[in-house]
Amino acid sequence: MIVNAQHVDLEIQVENEGDYLERVIFYWAKNFSSALAAGQKYSILPRTIVISLVDFRLFDCPEYHSFFQTFETTRHTLLSDKMGLYFFELPKLPKEIDENDMLLLWLSLFKANTDS
């Protein structure tokens, strides 16, 4: 889908079947490369992001949200802003959610056990 001139792929994964990170990169690459027709300039490639909601622990950290881009490893210089990989690990969501935090409210819907 296209949102604010960006290509967005929303992935929801309930179980860790392995190779999830490779799958996310593969889907990102397919979306990114398919946005350019033969003969078009590479400069018109849109920012392409993948948003992953996973119901398992993916990274060894306490944060529920991780964001990745391509950086040079020594100088931490951004290579390009055309790639964005967002990961939301649902098991790490806080128990108490501020009603003014729209992101956490939205994410908590995926963990809801009741209609309320």
N, C-alpha and C. Protein backbone atom coordinates (compact mmCIF):
# COMPACT_ATOMS: atom_id res chain seq x y z
N MET A 1 0.84 -1.17 0.00
CA MET A 1 0.00 0.00 0.00
C MET A 1 0.90 1.24 0.00
N ILE A 2 0.35 2.35 -0.44
CA ILE A 2 1.09 3.60 -0.46
C ILE A 2 0.46 4.54 0.57
N VAL A 3 1.28 5.05 1.48
CA VAL A 3 0.84 5.97 2.53
C VAL A 3 1.81 7.14 2.55
N ASN A 4 1.29 8.34 2.39
CA ASN A 4 2.14 9.54 2.38
C ASN A 4 3.32 9.39 1.44
N ALA A 5 3.07 8.91 0.24
CA ALA A 5 4.08 8.72 -0.82
C ALA A 5 5.16 7.68 -0.46
N GLN A 6 4.90 6.86 0.54
CA GLN A 6 5.81 5.79 0.92
C GLN A 6 5.15 4.45 0.62
N HIS A 7 5.95 3.49 0.18
CA HIS A 7 5.44 2.13 0.05
C HIS A 7 5.51 1.48 1.43
N VAL A 8 4.40 0.93 1.89
CA VAL A 8 4.32 0.36 3.23
C VAL A 8 3.84 -1.08 3.13
N ASP A 9 4.58 -1.97 3.79
CA ASP A 9 4.17 -3.38 3.89
C ASP A 9 3.95 -3.66 5.37
N LEU A 10 2.74 -4.04 5.73
CA LEU A 10 2.41 -4.36 7.11
C LEU A 10 2.37 -5.87 7.25
N GLU A 11 3.23 -6.40 8.11
CA GLU A 11 3.33 -7.84 8.33
C GLU A 11 2.89 -8.15 9.76
N ILE A 12 2.07 -9.16 9.93
CA ILE A 12 1.67 -9.63 11.25
C ILE A 12 2.05 -11.10 11.33
N GLN A 13 2.86 -11.44 12.33
CA GLN A 13 3.32 -12.82 12.48
C GLN A 13 3.03 -13.27 13.90
N VAL A 14 2.26 -14.35 14.03
CA VAL A 14 1.86 -14.85 15.34
C VAL A 14 2.91 -15.77 15.94
N GLU A 15 3.47 -16.65 15.13
CA GLU A 15 4.44 -17.61 15.63
C GLU A 15 5.79 -17.41 14.95
N ASN A 16 6.84 -17.67 15.71
CA ASN A 16 8.19 -17.58 15.16
C ASN A 16 8.50 -18.87 14.43
N GLU A 17 8.45 -18.82 13.11
CA GLU A 17 8.73 -19.99 12.29
C GLU A 17 10.17 -20.01 11.79
N GLY A 18 10.99 -19.09 12.29
CA GLY A 18 12.38 -19.01 11.88
C GLY A 18 12.54 -18.14 10.63
N ASP A 19 13.72 -17.63 10.43
CA ASP A 19 14.07 -16.83 9.25
C ASP A 19 13.20 -15.59 9.06
N TYR A 20 12.60 -15.09 10.14
CA TYR A 20 11.69 -13.96 9.99
C TYR A 20 12.40 -12.71 9.48
N LEU A 21 13.59 -12.44 9.98
CA LEU A 21 14.29 -11.23 9.55
C LEU A 21 14.64 -11.29 8.07
N GLU A 22 15.05 -12.45 7.59
CA GLU A 22 15.34 -12.60 6.17
C GLU A 22 14.08 -12.40 5.33
N ARG A 23 12.96 -12.90 5.84
CA ARG A 23 11.68 -12.72 5.15
C ARG A 23 11.32 -11.25 5.03
N VAL A 24 11.51 -10.51 6.13
CA VAL A 24 11.20 -9.07 6.12
C VAL A 24 12.08 -8.35 5.11
N ILE A 25 13.35 -8.65 5.07
CA ILE A 25 14.26 -8.00 4.12
C ILE A 25 13.88 -8.38 2.69
N PHE A 26 13.51 -9.63 2.47
CA PHE A 26 13.08 -10.08 1.14
C PHE A 26 11.85 -9.29 0.68
N TYR A 27 10.84 -9.18 1.54
CA TYR A 27 9.63 -8.44 1.17
C TYR A 27 9.94 -6.97 0.94
N TRP A 28 10.82 -6.41 1.76
CA TRP A 28 11.21 -5.01 1.54
C TRP A 28 11.84 -4.87 0.15
N ALA A 29 12.78 -5.75 -0.18
CA ALA A 29 13.48 -5.68 -1.46
C ALA A 29 12.52 -5.82 -2.64
N LYS A 30 11.56 -6.72 -2.54
CA LYS A 30 10.57 -6.89 -3.61
C LYS A 30 9.75 -5.62 -3.80
N ASN A 31 9.29 -5.04 -2.70
CA ASN A 31 8.48 -3.81 -2.79
C ASN A 31 9.31 -2.66 -3.34
N PHE A 32 10.53 -2.53 -2.87
CA PHE A 32 11.40 -1.44 -3.30
C PHE A 32 11.71 -1.56 -4.79
N SER A 33 12.12 -2.74 -5.22
CA SER A 33 12.52 -2.91 -6.62
C SER A 33 11.34 -2.86 -7.59
N SER A 34 10.17 -3.23 -7.15
CA SER A 34 9.01 -3.21 -8.05
C SER A 34 8.45 -1.80 -8.25
N ALA A 35 8.94 -0.84 -7.50
CA ALA A 35 8.43 0.53 -7.60
C ALA A 35 9.05 1.30 -8.77
N LEU A 36 9.99 0.70 -9.46
CA LEU A 36 10.71 1.38 -10.53
C LEU A 36 10.49 0.65 -11.84
N ALA A 37 9.97 1.35 -12.83
CA ALA A 37 9.79 0.76 -14.16
C ALA A 37 11.07 0.91 -14.96
N ALA A 38 11.22 0.08 -15.96
CA ALA A 38 12.42 0.13 -16.82
C ALA A 38 12.58 1.53 -17.39
N GLY A 39 13.80 2.03 -17.31
CA GLY A 39 14.11 3.35 -17.87
C GLY A 39 13.92 4.51 -16.91
N GLN A 40 13.29 4.28 -15.77
CA GLN A 40 13.10 5.38 -14.82
C GLN A 40 14.37 5.60 -14.01
N LYS A 41 14.51 6.82 -13.51
CA LYS A 41 15.69 7.17 -12.71
C LYS A 41 15.57 6.58 -11.30
N TYR A 42 16.69 6.09 -10.79
CA TYR A 42 16.70 5.51 -9.45
C TYR A 42 16.31 6.53 -8.39
N SER A 43 16.54 7.80 -8.67
CA SER A 43 16.24 8.84 -7.69
C SER A 43 14.75 8.95 -7.37
N ILE A 44 13.88 8.40 -8.21
CA ILE A 44 12.45 8.49 -7.93
C ILE A 44 11.94 7.32 -7.10
N LEU A 45 12.82 6.38 -6.76
CA LEU A 45 12.39 5.28 -5.90
C LEU A 45 11.80 5.83 -4.60
N PRO A 46 10.65 5.36 -4.19
CA PRO A 46 10.03 5.88 -2.97
C PRO A 46 10.64 5.25 -1.72
N ARG A 47 10.49 5.94 -0.62
CA ARG A 47 10.84 5.35 0.66
C ARG A 47 9.94 4.13 0.83
N THR A 48 10.53 3.01 1.21
CA THR A 48 9.80 1.76 1.36
C THR A 48 10.03 1.23 2.76
N ILE A 49 8.94 1.00 3.48
CA ILE A 49 9.08 0.54 4.86
C ILE A 49 8.28 -0.73 5.08
N VAL A 50 8.74 -1.52 6.04
CA VAL A 50 8.02 -2.70 6.49
C VAL A 50 7.72 -2.49 7.97
N ILE A 51 6.47 -2.67 8.34
CA ILE A 51 6.06 -2.61 9.73
C ILE A 51 5.68 -4.02 10.14
N SER A 52 6.40 -4.57 11.10
CA SER A 52 6.16 -5.94 11.55
C SER A 52 5.60 -5.95 12.96
N LEU A 53 4.45 -6.58 13.12
CA LEU A 53 3.87 -6.83 14.43
C LEU A 53 4.05 -8.31 14.69
N VAL A 54 4.84 -8.64 15.70
CA VAL A 54 5.12 -10.04 15.98
C VAL A 54 4.66 -10.39 17.40
N ASP A 55 4.09 -11.57 17.54
CA ASP A 55 3.60 -12.01 18.85
C ASP A 55 4.61 -12.96 19.49
N PHE A 56 5.89 -12.61 19.38
CA PHE A 56 6.97 -13.37 19.99
C PHE A 56 8.16 -12.43 20.17
N ARG A 57 9.08 -12.84 21.00
CA ARG A 57 10.29 -12.04 21.22
C ARG A 57 11.24 -12.28 20.07
N LEU A 58 11.63 -11.20 19.42
CA LEU A 58 12.49 -11.28 18.24
C LEU A 58 13.91 -10.84 18.55
N PHE A 59 14.06 -9.81 19.38
CA PHE A 59 15.37 -9.25 19.71
C PHE A 59 15.64 -9.39 21.21
N ASP A 60 16.89 -9.54 21.54
CA ASP A 60 17.30 -9.68 22.94
C ASP A 60 17.47 -8.29 23.56
N CYS A 61 16.35 -7.63 23.82
CA CYS A 61 16.34 -6.30 24.43
C CYS A 61 14.99 -6.11 25.10
N PRO A 62 14.88 -5.18 26.04
CA PRO A 62 13.59 -4.99 26.73
C PRO A 62 12.58 -4.14 25.93
N GLU A 63 13.04 -3.38 24.95
CA GLU A 63 12.16 -2.47 24.21
C GLU A 63 11.22 -3.25 23.29
N TYR A 64 9.98 -2.80 23.21
CA TYR A 64 9.00 -3.45 22.34
C TYR A 64 9.09 -2.94 20.90
N HIS A 65 9.74 -1.79 20.68
CA HIS A 65 9.84 -1.20 19.35
C HIS A 65 11.30 -1.10 18.93
N SER A 66 11.59 -1.59 17.74
CA SER A 66 12.93 -1.46 17.16
C SER A 66 12.78 -0.91 15.75
N PHE A 67 13.71 -0.04 15.36
CA PHE A 67 13.69 0.57 14.03
C PHE A 67 15.08 0.43 13.41
N PHE A 68 15.13 -0.05 12.17
CA PHE A 68 16.40 -0.26 11.48
C PHE A 68 16.44 0.50 10.17
N GLN A 69 17.62 1.04 9.88
CA GLN A 69 17.94 1.66 8.60
C GLN A 69 19.36 1.24 8.23
N THR A 70 19.81 1.64 7.05
CA THR A 70 21.17 1.29 6.63
C THR A 70 22.14 2.40 7.05
N PHE A 71 23.07 2.04 7.96
CA PHE A 71 24.06 2.97 8.48
C PHE A 71 25.47 2.43 8.24
N GLU A 72 26.42 3.34 8.07
CA GLU A 72 27.83 2.97 8.06
C GLU A 72 28.18 2.62 9.50
N THR A 73 28.87 1.51 9.73
CA THR A 73 29.03 0.98 11.08
C THR A 73 30.01 1.74 11.96
N THR A 74 30.96 2.45 11.40
CA THR A 74 31.91 3.19 12.23
C THR A 74 31.46 4.63 12.49
N ARG A 75 31.07 5.32 11.43
CA ARG A 75 30.68 6.73 11.55
C ARG A 75 29.19 6.91 11.82
N HIS A 76 28.41 5.82 11.70
CA HIS A 76 26.96 5.87 11.91
C HIS A 76 26.28 6.87 10.96
N THR A 77 26.82 6.92 9.74
CA THR A 77 26.26 7.80 8.71
C THR A 77 25.15 7.05 7.98
N LEU A 78 24.02 7.70 7.82
CA LEU A 78 22.90 7.10 7.12
C LEU A 78 23.23 6.99 5.64
N LEU A 79 23.13 5.78 5.10
CA LEU A 79 23.38 5.56 3.68
C LEU A 79 22.22 6.10 2.85
N SER A 80 21.01 5.78 3.27
CA SER A 80 19.82 6.22 2.55
C SER A 80 18.62 6.12 3.50
N ASP A 81 17.68 7.01 3.32
CA ASP A 81 16.46 6.93 4.13
C ASP A 81 15.36 6.18 3.38
N LYS A 82 15.71 5.53 2.29
CA LYS A 82 14.73 4.81 1.47
C LYS A 82 14.29 3.49 2.11
N MET A 83 15.00 3.03 3.14
CA MET A 83 14.66 1.78 3.81
C MET A 83 14.31 2.07 5.27
N GLY A 84 13.23 1.48 5.72
CA GLY A 84 12.86 1.56 7.13
C GLY A 84 12.20 0.25 7.53
N LEU A 85 12.72 -0.37 8.58
CA LEU A 85 12.16 -1.62 9.07
C LEU A 85 11.75 -1.41 10.52
N TYR A 86 10.46 -1.45 10.77
CA TYR A 86 9.90 -1.24 12.09
C TYR A 86 9.42 -2.58 12.64
N PHE A 87 9.80 -2.87 13.88
CA PHE A 87 9.39 -4.11 14.52
C PHE A 87 8.72 -3.78 15.85
N PHE A 88 7.56 -4.37 16.07
CA PHE A 88 6.83 -4.21 17.32
C PHE A 88 6.61 -5.61 17.90
N GLU A 89 7.22 -5.86 19.05
CA GLU A 89 7.13 -7.17 19.71
C GLU A 89 6.03 -7.10 20.76
N LEU A 90 4.91 -7.70 20.46
CA LEU A 90 3.73 -7.61 21.32
C LEU A 90 3.93 -8.16 22.73
N PRO A 91 4.71 -9.24 22.94
CA PRO A 91 4.90 -9.72 24.32
C PRO A 91 5.63 -8.73 25.22
N LYS A 92 6.28 -7.74 24.65
CA LYS A 92 7.03 -6.77 25.44
C LYS A 92 6.22 -5.51 25.76
N LEU A 93 4.98 -5.44 25.30
CA LEU A 93 4.18 -4.25 25.60
C LEU A 93 3.99 -4.11 27.10
N PRO A 94 3.97 -2.86 27.59
CA PRO A 94 3.76 -2.68 29.03
C PRO A 94 2.36 -3.13 29.45
N LYS A 95 2.25 -3.55 30.70
CA LYS A 95 0.94 -3.99 31.23
C LYS A 95 -0.04 -2.83 31.33
N GLU A 96 0.46 -1.70 31.80
CA GLU A 96 -0.37 -0.49 31.93
C GLU A 96 -0.09 0.43 30.75
N ILE A 97 -1.16 0.86 30.07
CA ILE A 97 -1.01 1.69 28.88
C ILE A 97 -1.70 3.03 29.10
N ASP A 98 -0.96 4.09 28.87
CA ASP A 98 -1.50 5.44 28.97
C ASP A 98 -2.54 5.63 27.87
N GLU A 99 -3.72 6.07 28.23
CA GLU A 99 -4.80 6.26 27.27
C GLU A 99 -4.50 7.34 26.23
N ASN A 100 -3.47 8.14 26.45
CA ASN A 100 -3.07 9.18 25.50
C ASN A 100 -1.99 8.71 24.53
N ASP A 101 -1.48 7.52 24.74
CA ASP A 101 -0.43 6.97 23.87
C ASP A 101 -1.10 6.18 22.75
N MET A 102 -1.34 6.84 21.63
CA MET A 102 -2.09 6.24 20.53
C MET A 102 -1.40 5.00 19.96
N LEU A 103 -0.07 5.01 19.88
CA LEU A 103 0.64 3.86 19.36
C LEU A 103 0.43 2.63 20.25
N LEU A 104 0.63 2.80 21.54
CA LEU A 104 0.44 1.67 22.45
C LEU A 104 -1.02 1.21 22.50
N LEU A 105 -1.94 2.13 22.42
CA LEU A 105 -3.35 1.74 22.38
C LEU A 105 -3.65 0.89 21.15
N TRP A 106 -3.13 1.32 20.01
CA TRP A 106 -3.34 0.59 18.76
C TRP A 106 -2.70 -0.80 18.84
N LEU A 107 -1.44 -0.86 19.32
CA LEU A 107 -0.75 -2.14 19.42
C LEU A 107 -1.45 -3.08 20.41
N SER A 108 -2.01 -2.51 21.47
CA SER A 108 -2.66 -3.36 22.48
C SER A 108 -3.91 -4.04 21.93
N LEU A 109 -4.49 -3.50 20.87
CA LEU A 109 -5.64 -4.16 20.26
C LEU A 109 -5.28 -5.58 19.78
N PHE A 110 -4.06 -5.76 19.35
CA PHE A 110 -3.63 -7.06 18.84
C PHE A 110 -3.43 -8.08 19.96
N LYS A 111 -3.36 -7.61 21.21
CA LYS A 111 -3.20 -8.49 22.37
C LYS A 111 -4.48 -8.61 23.18
N ALA A 112 -5.55 -7.99 22.72
CA ALA A 112 -6.79 -7.95 23.50
C ALA A 112 -7.40 -9.34 23.65
N ASN A 113 -7.88 -9.63 24.86
CA ASN A 113 -8.56 -10.88 25.14
C ASN A 113 -10.07 -10.69 25.26
N THR A 114 -10.50 -9.42 25.36
CA THR A 114 -11.93 -9.12 25.47
C THR A 114 -12.30 -8.01 24.51
N ASP A 115 -13.58 -7.79 24.30
CA ASP A 115 -14.04 -6.72 23.44
C ASP A 115 -13.75 -5.34 24.02
N SER A 116 -13.73 -5.23 25.34
CA SER A 116 -13.50 -3.92 25.95
C SER A 116 -12.03 -3.58 25.93
